[in-house]
Structure formats: structure tokens, C-alpha cells
Amino acid sequence: MNEQNRNWWAGVADIAATGLNHGASKLERVHLSIADETFDILQRVPVTRPWSEGVRHIHHGISRLSYRSVSLVASSLGMLARTANSPESFKPDIKLHE
């Protein structure tokens, strides 16, 4: 693979990783915002009030862990693509002359 192809694929990987990272962050905020609407209603009902805050805490913790794990993996893949494309990381193509 020549240098131009490596640069192109590294750019594609970087764009995809950045998009996935930002997308996961935005989806986390939307998810938690929608969930908060429901939990706020449950907080107002006397029967569900004792449990709603604990369930909200668990739900938000699991959601944050999930979305941030995706974001971390995406960031890591982007960094790996940039590192793999650095001049120090690849060997020049060997050309045999006969």
C-alpha cells in the first residue's frame, strides 16, 4: 500500500472515529434528558417516590458507562489510526530490482 492510500484510509478512520465519539456524547445527553422527564414524573407520585431516585441513579450510571465506553473506544481507534499513519510507524516499501 502506498503512502497516499495509507493517508486516505487513516483520514477515513479518523473521521469515522470522531463522528462516533461525538455521536455517542450527543446520544448520551438526549437519552438522559428523555429519561429525566419520566423520572421527574415518578418523583411526583407518592407511591413511586421512594424508588424513583434510586432507579434513576442506577439507570443514569449504566447509560453513562455504556455511551462513554463507546466514546472511549472510538477515541482510541482514532488515535490508533493517526499513530499508525505517522511516518515512524511504517517501513518503506521494499522494491526488488532484477
PDB file of N, CA and C in Angstrom:
ATOM      1  N   MET A   1       0.864  -1.174   0.000  1.00  0.00           N
ATOM      2  CA  MET A   1       0.000   0.000   0.000  1.00  0.00           C
ATOM      3  C   MET A   1       0.907   1.232   0.000  1.00  0.00           C
ATOM      4  N   ASN A   2       0.604   2.145  -0.881  1.00  0.00           N
ATOM      5  CA  ASN A   2       1.454   3.327  -0.961  1.00  0.00           C
ATOM      6  C   ASN A   2       1.033   4.364   0.092  1.00  0.00           C
ATOM      7  N   GLU A   3       1.836   5.396   0.211  1.00  0.00           N
ATOM      8  CA  GLU A   3       1.617   6.399   1.265  1.00  0.00           C
ATOM      9  C   GLU A   3       0.301   7.142   1.082  1.00  0.00           C
ATOM     10  N   GLN A   4      -0.069   7.433  -0.147  1.00  0.00           N
ATOM     11  CA  GLN A   4      -1.321   8.145  -0.391  1.00  0.00           C
ATOM     12  C   GLN A   4      -2.523   7.308   0.063  1.00  0.00           C
ATOM     13  N   ASN A   5      -2.502   6.017  -0.208  1.00  0.00           N
ATOM     14  CA  ASN A   5      -3.591   5.145   0.250  1.00  0.00           C
ATOM     15  C   ASN A   5      -3.641   5.068   1.775  1.00  0.00           C
ATOM     16  N   ARG A   6      -2.470   4.982   2.392  1.00  0.00           N
ATOM     17  CA  ARG A   6      -2.426   4.946   3.867  1.00  0.00           C
ATOM     18  C   ARG A   6      -3.016   6.226   4.445  1.00  0.00           C
ATOM     19  N   ASN A   7      -2.646   7.361   3.872  1.00  0.00           N
ATOM     20  CA  ASN A   7      -3.174   8.643   4.353  1.00  0.00           C
ATOM     21  C   ASN A   7      -4.684   8.711   4.180  1.00  0.00           C
ATOM     22  N   TRP A   8      -5.173   8.238   3.043  1.00  0.00           N
ATOM     23  CA  TRP A   8      -6.604   8.279   2.784  1.00  0.00           C
ATOM     24  C   TRP A   8      -7.365   7.423   3.790  1.00  0.00           C
ATOM     25  N   TRP A   9      -6.924   6.191   3.993  1.00  0.00           N
ATOM     26  CA  TRP A   9      -7.612   5.302   4.931  1.00  0.00           C
ATOM     27  C   TRP A   9      -7.493   5.792   6.370  1.00  0.00           C
ATOM     28  N   ALA A  10      -6.350   6.369   6.716  1.00  0.00           N
ATOM     29  CA  ALA A  10      -6.212   6.929   8.066  1.00  0.00           C
ATOM     30  C   ALA A  10      -7.165   8.101   8.254  1.00  0.00           C
ATOM     31  N   GLY A  11      -7.348   8.911   7.213  1.00  0.00           N
ATOM     32  CA  GLY A  11      -8.304  10.019   7.285  1.00  0.00           C
ATOM     33  C   GLY A  11      -9.730   9.527   7.430  1.00  0.00           C
ATOM     34  N   VAL A  12     -10.096   8.503   6.678  1.00  0.00           N
ATOM     35  CA  VAL A  12     -11.438   7.926   6.796  1.00  0.00           C
ATOM     36  C   VAL A  12     -11.654   7.385   8.205  1.00  0.00           C
ATOM     37  N   ALA A  13     -10.676   6.662   8.721  1.00  0.00           N
ATOM     38  CA  ALA A  13     -10.798   6.106  10.073  1.00  0.00           C
ATOM     39  C   ALA A  13     -10.904   7.216  11.117  1.00  0.00           C
ATOM     40  N   ASP A  14     -10.142   8.279  10.941  1.00  0.00           N
ATOM     41  CA  ASP A  14     -10.173   9.393  11.887  1.00  0.00           C
ATOM     42  C   ASP A  14     -11.537  10.089  11.858  1.00  0.00           C
ATOM     43  N   ILE A  15     -12.071  10.320  10.666  1.00  0.00           N
ATOM     44  CA  ILE A  15     -13.390  10.955  10.555  1.00  0.00           C
ATOM     45  C   ILE A  15     -14.471  10.070  11.179  1.00  0.00           C
ATOM     46  N   ALA A  16     -14.426   8.774  10.887  1.00  0.00           N
ATOM     47  CA  ALA A  16     -15.420   7.857  11.444  1.00  0.00           C
ATOM     48  C   ALA A  16     -15.326   7.802  12.968  1.00  0.00           C
ATOM     49  N   ALA A  17     -14.122   7.746  13.494  1.00  0.00           N
ATOM     50  CA  ALA A  17     -13.929   7.682  14.942  1.00  0.00           C
ATOM     51  C   ALA A  17     -14.392   8.969  15.613  1.00  0.00           C
ATOM     52  N   THR A  18     -14.090  10.102  15.011  1.00  0.00           N
ATOM     53  CA  THR A  18     -14.521  11.393  15.568  1.00  0.00           C
ATOM     54  C   THR A  18     -16.038  11.503  15.549  1.00  0.00           C
ATOM     55  N   GLY A  19     -16.653  11.085  14.437  1.00  0.00           N
ATOM     56  CA  GLY A  19     -18.114  11.118  14.352  1.00  0.00           C
ATOM     57  C   GLY A  19     -18.766  10.215  15.377  1.00  0.00           C
ATOM     58  N   LEU A  20     -18.227   9.035  15.555  1.00  0.00           N
ATOM     59  CA  LEU A  20     -18.768   8.103  16.543  1.00  0.00           C
ATOM     60  C   LEU A  20     -18.598   8.645  17.960  1.00  0.00           C
ATOM     61  N   ASN A  21     -17.468   9.250  18.223  1.00  0.00           N
ATOM     62  CA  ASN A  21     -17.206   9.831  19.541  1.00  0.00           C
ATOM     63  C   ASN A  21     -18.208  10.944  19.855  1.00  0.00           C
ATOM     64  N   HIS A  22     -18.367  11.886  18.934  1.00  0.00           N
ATOM     65  CA  HIS A  22     -19.307  12.994  19.157  1.00  0.00           C
ATOM     66  C   HIS A  22     -20.752  12.504  19.173  1.00  0.00           C
ATOM     67  N   GLY A  23     -21.058  11.545  18.303  1.00  0.00           N
ATOM     68  CA  GLY A  23     -22.413  10.993  18.271  1.00  0.00           C
ATOM     69  C   GLY A  23     -22.786  10.320  19.577  1.00  0.00           C
ATOM     70  N   ALA A  24     -21.861   9.574  20.149  1.00  0.00           N
ATOM     71  CA  ALA A  24     -22.131   8.907  21.425  1.00  0.00           C
ATOM     72  C   ALA A  24     -22.360   9.928  22.537  1.00  0.00           C
ATOM     73  N   SER A  25     -21.602  11.011  22.532  1.00  0.00           N
ATOM     74  CA  SER A  25     -21.774  12.054  23.551  1.00  0.00           C
ATOM     75  C   SER A  25     -23.140  12.725  23.433  1.00  0.00           C
ATOM     76  N   LYS A  26     -23.538  13.017  22.208  1.00  0.00           N
ATOM     77  CA  LYS A  26     -24.837  13.669  21.999  1.00  0.00           C
ATOM     78  C   LYS A  26     -25.982  12.721  22.335  1.00  0.00           C
ATOM     79  N   LEU A  27     -25.864  11.459  21.941  1.00  0.00           N
ATOM     80  CA  LEU A  27     -26.906  10.493  22.268  1.00  0.00           C
ATOM     81  C   LEU A  27     -27.034  10.288  23.775  1.00  0.00           C
ATOM     82  N   GLU A  28     -25.914  10.318  24.475  1.00  0.00           N
ATOM     83  CA  GLU A  28     -25.966  10.197  25.942  1.00  0.00           C
ATOM     84  C   GLU A  28     -26.797  11.327  26.539  1.00  0.00           C
ATOM     85  N   ARG A  29     -26.534  12.558  26.100  1.00  0.00           N
ATOM     86  CA  ARG A  29     -27.283  13.703  26.629  1.00  0.00           C
ATOM     87  C   ARG A  29     -28.773  13.596  26.315  1.00  0.00           C
ATOM     88  N   VAL A  30     -29.104  13.202  25.084  1.00  0.00           N
ATOM     89  CA  VAL A  30     -30.511  13.063  24.704  1.00  0.00           C
ATOM     90  C   VAL A  30     -31.177  11.955  25.504  1.00  0.00           C
ATOM     91  N   HIS A  31     -30.513  10.820  25.616  1.00  0.00           N
ATOM     92  CA  HIS A  31     -31.052   9.680  26.360  1.00  0.00           C
ATOM     93  C   HIS A  31     -31.355  10.064  27.813  1.00  0.00           C
ATOM     94  N   LEU A  32     -30.390  10.697  28.465  1.00  0.00           N
ATOM     95  CA  LEU A  32     -30.577  11.064  29.866  1.00  0.00           C
ATOM     96  C   LEU A  32     -31.654  12.135  30.025  1.00  0.00           C
ATOM     97  N   SER A  33     -31.740  13.037  29.078  1.00  0.00           N
ATOM     98  CA  SER A  33     -32.763  14.079  29.128  1.00  0.00           C
ATOM     99  C   SER A  33     -34.164  13.482  29.014  1.00  0.00           C
ATOM    100  N   ILE A  34     -34.338  12.565  28.086  1.00  0.00           N
ATOM    101  CA  ILE A  34     -35.640  11.909  27.937  1.00  0.00           C
ATOM    102  C   ILE A  34     -35.964  11.093  29.178  1.00  0.00           C
ATOM    103  N   ALA A  35     -34.991  10.376  29.694  1.00  0.00           N
ATOM    104  CA  ALA A  35     -35.221   9.566  30.895  1.00  0.00           C
ATOM    105  C   ALA A  35     -35.574  10.451  32.088  1.00  0.00           C
ATOM    106  N   ASP A  36     -34.947  11.613  32.191  1.00  0.00           N
ATOM    107  CA  ASP A  36     -35.238  12.517  33.302  1.00  0.00           C
ATOM    108  C   ASP A  36     -36.693  12.982  33.307  1.00  0.00           C
ATOM    109  N   GLU A  37     -37.280  13.131  32.124  1.00  0.00           N
ATOM    110  CA  GLU A  37     -38.690  13.517  32.075  1.00  0.00           C
ATOM    111  C   GLU A  37     -39.557  12.472  32.772  1.00  0.00           C
ATOM    112  N   THR A  38     -39.297  11.219  32.488  1.00  0.00           N
ATOM    113  CA  THR A  38     -40.057  10.142  33.124  1.00  0.00           C
ATOM    114  C   THR A  38     -39.753  10.063  34.615  1.00  0.00           C
ATOM    115  N   PHE A  39     -38.496  10.146  34.978  1.00  0.00           N
ATOM    116  CA  PHE A  39     -38.141  10.061  36.394  1.00  0.00           C
ATOM    117  C   PHE A  39     -38.694  11.240  37.190  1.00  0.00           C
ATOM    118  N   ASP A  40     -38.789  12.412  36.573  1.00  0.00           N
ATOM    119  CA  ASP A  40     -39.387  13.568  37.258  1.00  0.00           C
ATOM    120  C   ASP A  40     -40.864  13.322  37.562  1.00  0.00           C
ATOM    121  N   ILE A  41     -41.562  12.687  36.624  1.00  0.00           N
ATOM    122  CA  ILE A  41     -42.970  12.348  36.869  1.00  0.00           C
ATOM    123  C   ILE A  41     -43.077  11.319  37.992  1.00  0.00           C
ATOM    124  N   LEU A  42     -42.226  10.299  37.952  1.00  0.00           N
ATOM    125  CA  LEU A  42     -42.254   9.279  39.004  1.00  0.00           C
ATOM    126  C   LEU A  42     -41.921   9.871  40.367  1.00  0.00           C
ATOM    127  N   GLN A  43     -41.108  10.891  40.394  1.00  0.00           N
ATOM    128  CA  GLN A  43     -40.746  11.549  41.651  1.00  0.00           C
ATOM    129  C   GLN A  43     -41.946  12.271  42.271  1.00  0.00           C
ATOM    130  N   ARG A  44     -42.873  12.705  41.460  1.00  0.00           N
ATOM    131  CA  ARG A  44     -44.057  13.428  41.954  1.00  0.00           C
ATOM    132  C   ARG A  44     -45.149  12.511  42.487  1.00  0.00           C
ATOM    133  N   VAL A  45     -45.123  11.247  42.097  1.00  0.00           N
ATOM    134  CA  VAL A  45     -46.152  10.298  42.542  1.00  0.00           C
ATOM    135  C   VAL A  45     -45.719   9.708  43.883  1.00  0.00           C
ATOM    136  N   PRO A  46     -46.557   9.846  44.916  1.00  0.00           N
ATOM    137  CA  PRO A  46     -46.153   9.380  46.251  1.00  0.00           C
ATOM    138  C   PRO A  46     -45.782   7.896  46.316  1.00  0.00           C
ATOM    139  N   VAL A  47     -46.460   7.052  45.560  1.00  0.00           N
ATOM    140  CA  VAL A  47     -46.191   5.608  45.625  1.00  0.00           C
ATOM    141  C   VAL A  47     -44.821   5.264  45.034  1.00  0.00           C
ATOM    142  N   THR A  48     -44.435   5.968  43.981  1.00  0.00           N
ATOM    143  CA  THR A  48     -43.168   5.644  43.313  1.00  0.00           C
ATOM    144  C   THR A  48     -41.988   6.493  43.791  1.00  0.00           C
ATOM    145  N   ARG A  49     -42.275   7.505  44.572  1.00  0.00           N
ATOM    146  CA  ARG A  49     -41.222   8.424  45.018  1.00  0.00           C
ATOM    147  C   ARG A  49     -40.055   7.733  45.717  1.00  0.00           C
ATOM    148  N   PRO A  50     -40.308   6.788  46.647  1.00  0.00           N
ATOM    149  CA  PRO A  50     -39.158   6.184  47.351  1.00  0.00           C
ATOM    150  C   PRO A  50     -38.188   5.426  46.439  1.00  0.00           C
ATOM    151  N   TRP A  51     -38.689   4.909  45.328  1.00  0.00           N
ATOM    152  CA  TRP A  51     -37.848   4.091  44.465  1.00  0.00           C
ATOM    153  C   TRP A  51     -37.286   4.845  43.265  1.00  0.00           C
ATOM    154  N   SER A  52     -37.959   5.885  42.857  1.00  0.00           N
ATOM    155  CA  SER A  52     -37.597   6.511  41.586  1.00  0.00           C
ATOM    156  C   SER A  52     -36.184   7.094  41.571  1.00  0.00           C
ATOM    157  N   GLU A  53     -35.768   7.691  42.658  1.00  0.00           N
ATOM    158  CA  GLU A  53     -34.435   8.308  42.666  1.00  0.00           C
ATOM    159  C   GLU A  53     -33.332   7.254  42.609  1.00  0.00           C
ATOM    160  N   GLY A  54     -33.515   6.144  43.293  1.00  0.00           N
ATOM    161  CA  GLY A  54     -32.526   5.060  43.234  1.00  0.00           C
ATOM    162  C   GLY A  54     -32.435   4.447  41.846  1.00  0.00           C
ATOM    163  N   VAL A  55     -33.613   4.233  41.235  1.00  0.00           N
ATOM    164  CA  VAL A  55     -33.630   3.679  39.880  1.00  0.00           C
ATOM    165  C   VAL A  55     -33.025   4.672  38.891  1.00  0.00           C
ATOM    166  N   ARG A  56     -33.313   5.960  39.078  1.00  0.00           N
ATOM    167  CA  ARG A  56     -32.720   6.988  38.210  1.00  0.00           C
ATOM    168  C   ARG A  56     -31.194   6.951  38.310  1.00  0.00           C
ATOM    169  N   HIS A  57     -30.696   6.845  39.504  1.00  0.00           N
ATOM    170  CA  HIS A  57     -29.249   6.817  39.716  1.00  0.00           C
ATOM    171  C   HIS A  57     -28.619   5.605  39.009  1.00  0.00           C
ATOM    172  N   ILE A  58     -29.232   4.444  39.165  1.00  0.00           N
ATOM    173  CA  ILE A  58     -28.711   3.231  38.518  1.00  0.00           C
ATOM    174  C   ILE A  58     -28.815   3.356  37.002  1.00  0.00           C
ATOM    175  N   HIS A  59     -29.960   3.808  36.512  1.00  0.00           N
ATOM    176  CA  HIS A  59     -30.162   3.968  35.070  1.00  0.00           C
ATOM    177  C   HIS A  59     -29.137   4.918  34.463  1.00  0.00           C
ATOM    178  N   HIS A  60     -28.955   6.067  35.101  1.00  0.00           N
ATOM    179  CA  HIS A  60     -28.007   7.052  34.568  1.00  0.00           C
ATOM    180  C   HIS A  60     -26.576   6.523  34.610  1.00  0.00           C
ATOM    181  N   GLY A  61     -26.233   5.800  35.655  1.00  0.00           N
ATOM    182  CA  GLY A  61     -24.885   5.234  35.754  1.00  0.00           C
ATOM    183  C   GLY A  61     -24.602   4.229  34.650  1.00  0.00           C
ATOM    184  N   ILE A  62     -25.568   3.338  34.403  1.00  0.00           N
ATOM    185  CA  ILE A  62     -25.392   2.339  33.342  1.00  0.00           C
ATOM    186  C   ILE A  62     -25.356   3.021  31.975  1.00  0.00           C
ATOM    187  N   SER A  63     -26.227   3.996  31.766  1.00  0.00           N
ATOM    188  CA  SER A  63     -26.256   4.702  30.484  1.00  0.00           C
ATOM    189  C   SER A  63     -24.947   5.442  30.239  1.00  0.00           C
ATOM    190  N   ARG A  64     -24.461   6.147  31.243  1.00  0.00           N
ATOM    191  CA  ARG A  64     -23.191   6.868  31.089  1.00  0.00           C
ATOM    192  C   ARG A  64     -22.043   5.913  30.797  1.00  0.00           C
ATOM    193  N   LEU A  65     -22.019   4.787  31.507  1.00  0.00           N
ATOM    194  CA  LEU A  65     -20.966   3.803  31.287  1.00  0.00           C
ATOM    195  C   LEU A  65     -21.014   3.279  29.856  1.00  0.00           C
ATOM    196  N   SER A  66     -22.200   3.003  29.362  1.00  0.00           N
ATOM    197  CA  SER A  66     -22.341   2.470  28.006  1.00  0.00           C
ATOM    198  C   SER A  66     -21.904   3.482  26.951  1.00  0.00           C
ATOM    199  N   TYR A  67     -22.451   4.681  27.007  1.00  0.00           N
ATOM    200  CA  TYR A  67     -22.125   5.682  25.995  1.00  0.00           C
ATOM    201  C   TYR A  67     -20.669   6.114  26.075  1.00  0.00           C
ATOM    202  N   ARG A  68     -20.152   6.236  27.260  1.00  0.00           N
ATOM    203  CA  ARG A  68     -18.758   6.673  27.390  1.00  0.00           C
ATOM    204  C   ARG A  68     -17.782   5.573  27.005  1.00  0.00           C
ATOM    205  N   SER A  69     -18.188   4.313  27.147  1.00  0.00           N
ATOM    206  CA  SER A  69     -17.347   3.214  26.659  1.00  0.00           C
ATOM    207  C   SER A  69     -17.239   3.258  25.138  1.00  0.00           C
ATOM    208  N   VAL A  70     -18.370   3.487  24.470  1.00  0.00           N
ATOM    209  CA  VAL A  70     -18.356   3.626  23.016  1.00  0.00           C
ATOM    210  C   VAL A  70     -17.478   4.812  22.622  1.00  0.00           C
ATOM    211  N   SER A  71     -17.611   5.923  23.329  1.00  0.00           N
ATOM    212  CA  SER A  71     -16.826   7.112  23.038  1.00  0.00           C
ATOM    213  C   SER A  71     -15.329   6.850  23.239  1.00  0.00           C
ATOM    214  N   LEU A  72     -14.986   6.140  24.295  1.00  0.00           N
ATOM    215  CA  LEU A  72     -13.586   5.827  24.569  1.00  0.00           C
ATOM    216  C   LEU A  72     -13.001   4.925  23.489  1.00  0.00           C
ATOM    217  N   VAL A  73     -13.757   3.916  23.073  1.00  0.00           N
ATOM    218  CA  VAL A  73     -13.274   3.019  22.020  1.00  0.00           C
ATOM    219  C   VAL A  73     -13.092   3.796  20.720  1.00  0.00           C
ATOM    220  N   ALA A  74     -14.049   4.670  20.401  1.00  0.00           N
ATOM    221  CA  ALA A  74     -13.935   5.477  19.178  1.00  0.00           C
ATOM    222  C   ALA A  74     -12.709   6.382  19.236  1.00  0.00           C
ATOM    223  N   SER A  75     -12.493   7.033  20.365  1.00  0.00           N
ATOM    224  CA  SER A  75     -11.309   7.896  20.515  1.00  0.00           C
ATOM    225  C   SER A  75     -10.028   7.088  20.386  1.00  0.00           C
ATOM    226  N   SER A  76     -10.006   5.908  20.958  1.00  0.00           N
ATOM    227  CA  SER A  76      -8.825   5.057  20.883  1.00  0.00           C
ATOM    228  C   SER A  76      -8.549   4.613  19.454  1.00  0.00           C
ATOM    229  N   LEU A  77      -9.613   4.255  18.721  1.00  0.00           N
ATOM    230  CA  LEU A  77      -9.430   3.860  17.329  1.00  0.00           C
ATOM    231  C   LEU A  77      -8.932   5.026  16.482  1.00  0.00           C
ATOM    232  N   GLY A  78      -9.449   6.220  16.750  1.00  0.00           N
ATOM    233  CA  GLY A  78      -8.972   7.396  16.033  1.00  0.00           C
ATOM    234  C   GLY A  78      -7.512   7.669  16.307  1.00  0.00           C
ATOM    235  N   MET A  79      -7.124   7.538  17.565  1.00  0.00           N
ATOM    236  CA  MET A  79      -5.724   7.751  17.924  1.00  0.00           C
ATOM    237  C   MET A  79      -4.841   6.673  17.297  1.00  0.00           C
ATOM    238  N   LEU A  80      -5.342   5.451  17.273  1.00  0.00           N
ATOM    239  CA  LEU A  80      -4.586   4.365  16.655  1.00  0.00           C
ATOM    240  C   LEU A  80      -4.404   4.616  15.163  1.00  0.00           C
ATOM    241  N   ALA A  81      -5.451   5.104  14.499  1.00  0.00           N
ATOM    242  CA  ALA A  81      -5.346   5.401  13.064  1.00  0.00           C
ATOM    243  C   ALA A  81      -4.326   6.508  12.819  1.00  0.00           C
ATOM    244  N   ARG A  82      -4.341   7.540  13.660  1.00  0.00           N
ATOM    245  CA  ARG A  82      -3.369   8.625  13.483  1.00  0.00           C
ATOM    246  C   ARG A  82      -1.953   8.145  13.779  1.00  0.00           C
ATOM    247  N   THR A  83      -1.792   7.320  14.800  1.00  0.00           N
ATOM    248  CA  THR A  83      -0.471   6.806  15.167  1.00  0.00           C
ATOM    249  C   THR A  83       0.043   5.849  14.102  1.00  0.00           C
ATOM    250  N   ALA A  84      -0.846   5.005  13.601  1.00  0.00           N
ATOM    251  CA  ALA A  84      -0.423   4.034  12.591  1.00  0.00           C
ATOM    252  C   ALA A  84      -0.016   4.719  11.303  1.00  0.00           C
ATOM    253  N   ASN A  85      -0.500   5.905  11.076  1.00  0.00           N
ATOM    254  CA  ASN A  85      -0.181   6.623   9.844  1.00  0.00           C
ATOM    255  C   ASN A  85       1.021   7.550   9.989  1.00  0.00           C
ATOM    256  N   SER A  86       1.594   7.634  11.175  1.00  0.00           N
ATOM    257  CA  SER A  86       2.749   8.515  11.356  1.00  0.00           C
ATOM    258  C   SER A  86       3.951   7.952  10.592  1.00  0.00           C
ATOM    259  N   PRO A  87       4.836   8.811  10.148  1.00  0.00           N
ATOM    260  CA  PRO A  87       5.982   8.359   9.347  1.00  0.00           C
ATOM    261  C   PRO A  87       6.864   7.346  10.066  1.00  0.00           C
ATOM    262  N   GLU A  88       6.922   7.397  11.378  1.00  0.00           N
ATOM    263  CA  GLU A  88       7.785   6.479  12.122  1.00  0.00           C
ATOM    264  C   GLU A  88       7.186   5.076  12.212  1.00  0.00           C
ATOM    265  N   SER A  89       5.884   4.938  11.927  1.00  0.00           N
ATOM    266  CA  SER A  89       5.229   3.667  12.191  1.00  0.00           C
ATOM    267  C   SER A  89       5.255   2.683  11.029  1.00  0.00           C
ATOM    268  N   PHE A  90       5.605   3.122   9.840  1.00  0.00           N
ATOM    269  CA  PHE A  90       5.620   2.169   8.739  1.00  0.00           C
ATOM    270  C   PHE A  90       6.977   2.147   8.064  1.00  0.00           C
ATOM    271  N   LYS A  91       7.243   1.003   7.489  1.00  0.00           N
ATOM    272  CA  LYS A  91       8.516   0.803   6.818  1.00  0.00           C
ATOM    273  C   LYS A  91       8.346   1.134   5.343  1.00  0.00           C
ATOM    274  N   PRO A  92       9.355   1.620   4.724  1.00  0.00           N
ATOM    275  CA  PRO A  92       9.237   1.907   3.300  1.00  0.00           C
ATOM    276  C   PRO A  92       9.009   0.618   2.510  1.00  0.00           C
ATOM    277  N   ASP A  93       8.308   0.751   1.394  1.00  0.00           N
ATOM    278  CA  ASP A  93       8.075  -0.402   0.527  1.00  0.00           C
ATOM    279  C   ASP A  93       9.425  -0.898  -0.003  1.00  0.00           C
ATOM    280  N   ILE A  94       9.570  -2.186   0.013  1.00  0.00           N
ATOM    281  CA  ILE A  94      10.808  -2.786  -0.489  1.00  0.00           C
ATOM    282  C   ILE A  94      10.604  -3.085  -1.968  1.00  0.00           C
ATOM    283  N   LYS A  95      11.510  -2.590  -2.758  1.00  0.00           N
ATOM    284  CA  LYS A  95      11.438  -2.823  -4.192  1.00  0.00           C
ATOM    285  C   LYS A  95      12.648  -3.654  -4.617  1.00  0.00           C
ATOM    286  N   LEU A  96      12.334  -4.734  -5.249  1.00  0.00           N
ATOM    287  CA  LEU A  96      13.388  -5.622  -5.730  1.00  0.00           C
ATOM    288  C   LEU A  96      13.673  -5.297  -7.185  1.00  0.00           C
ATOM    289  N   HIS A  97      14.943  -5.138  -7.505  1.00  0.00           N
ATOM    290  CA  HIS A  97      15.337  -4.875  -8.892  1.00  0.00           C
ATOM    291  C   HIS A  97      16.000  -6.138  -9.406  1.00  0.00           C
ATOM    292  N   GLU A  98      15.501  -6.555 -10.522  1.00  0.00           N
ATOM    293  CA  GLU A  98      16.098  -7.756 -11.115  1.00  0.00           C
ATOM    294  C   GLU A  98      16.779  -7.435 -12.400  1.00  0.00           C
TER     295      GLU A  98
END
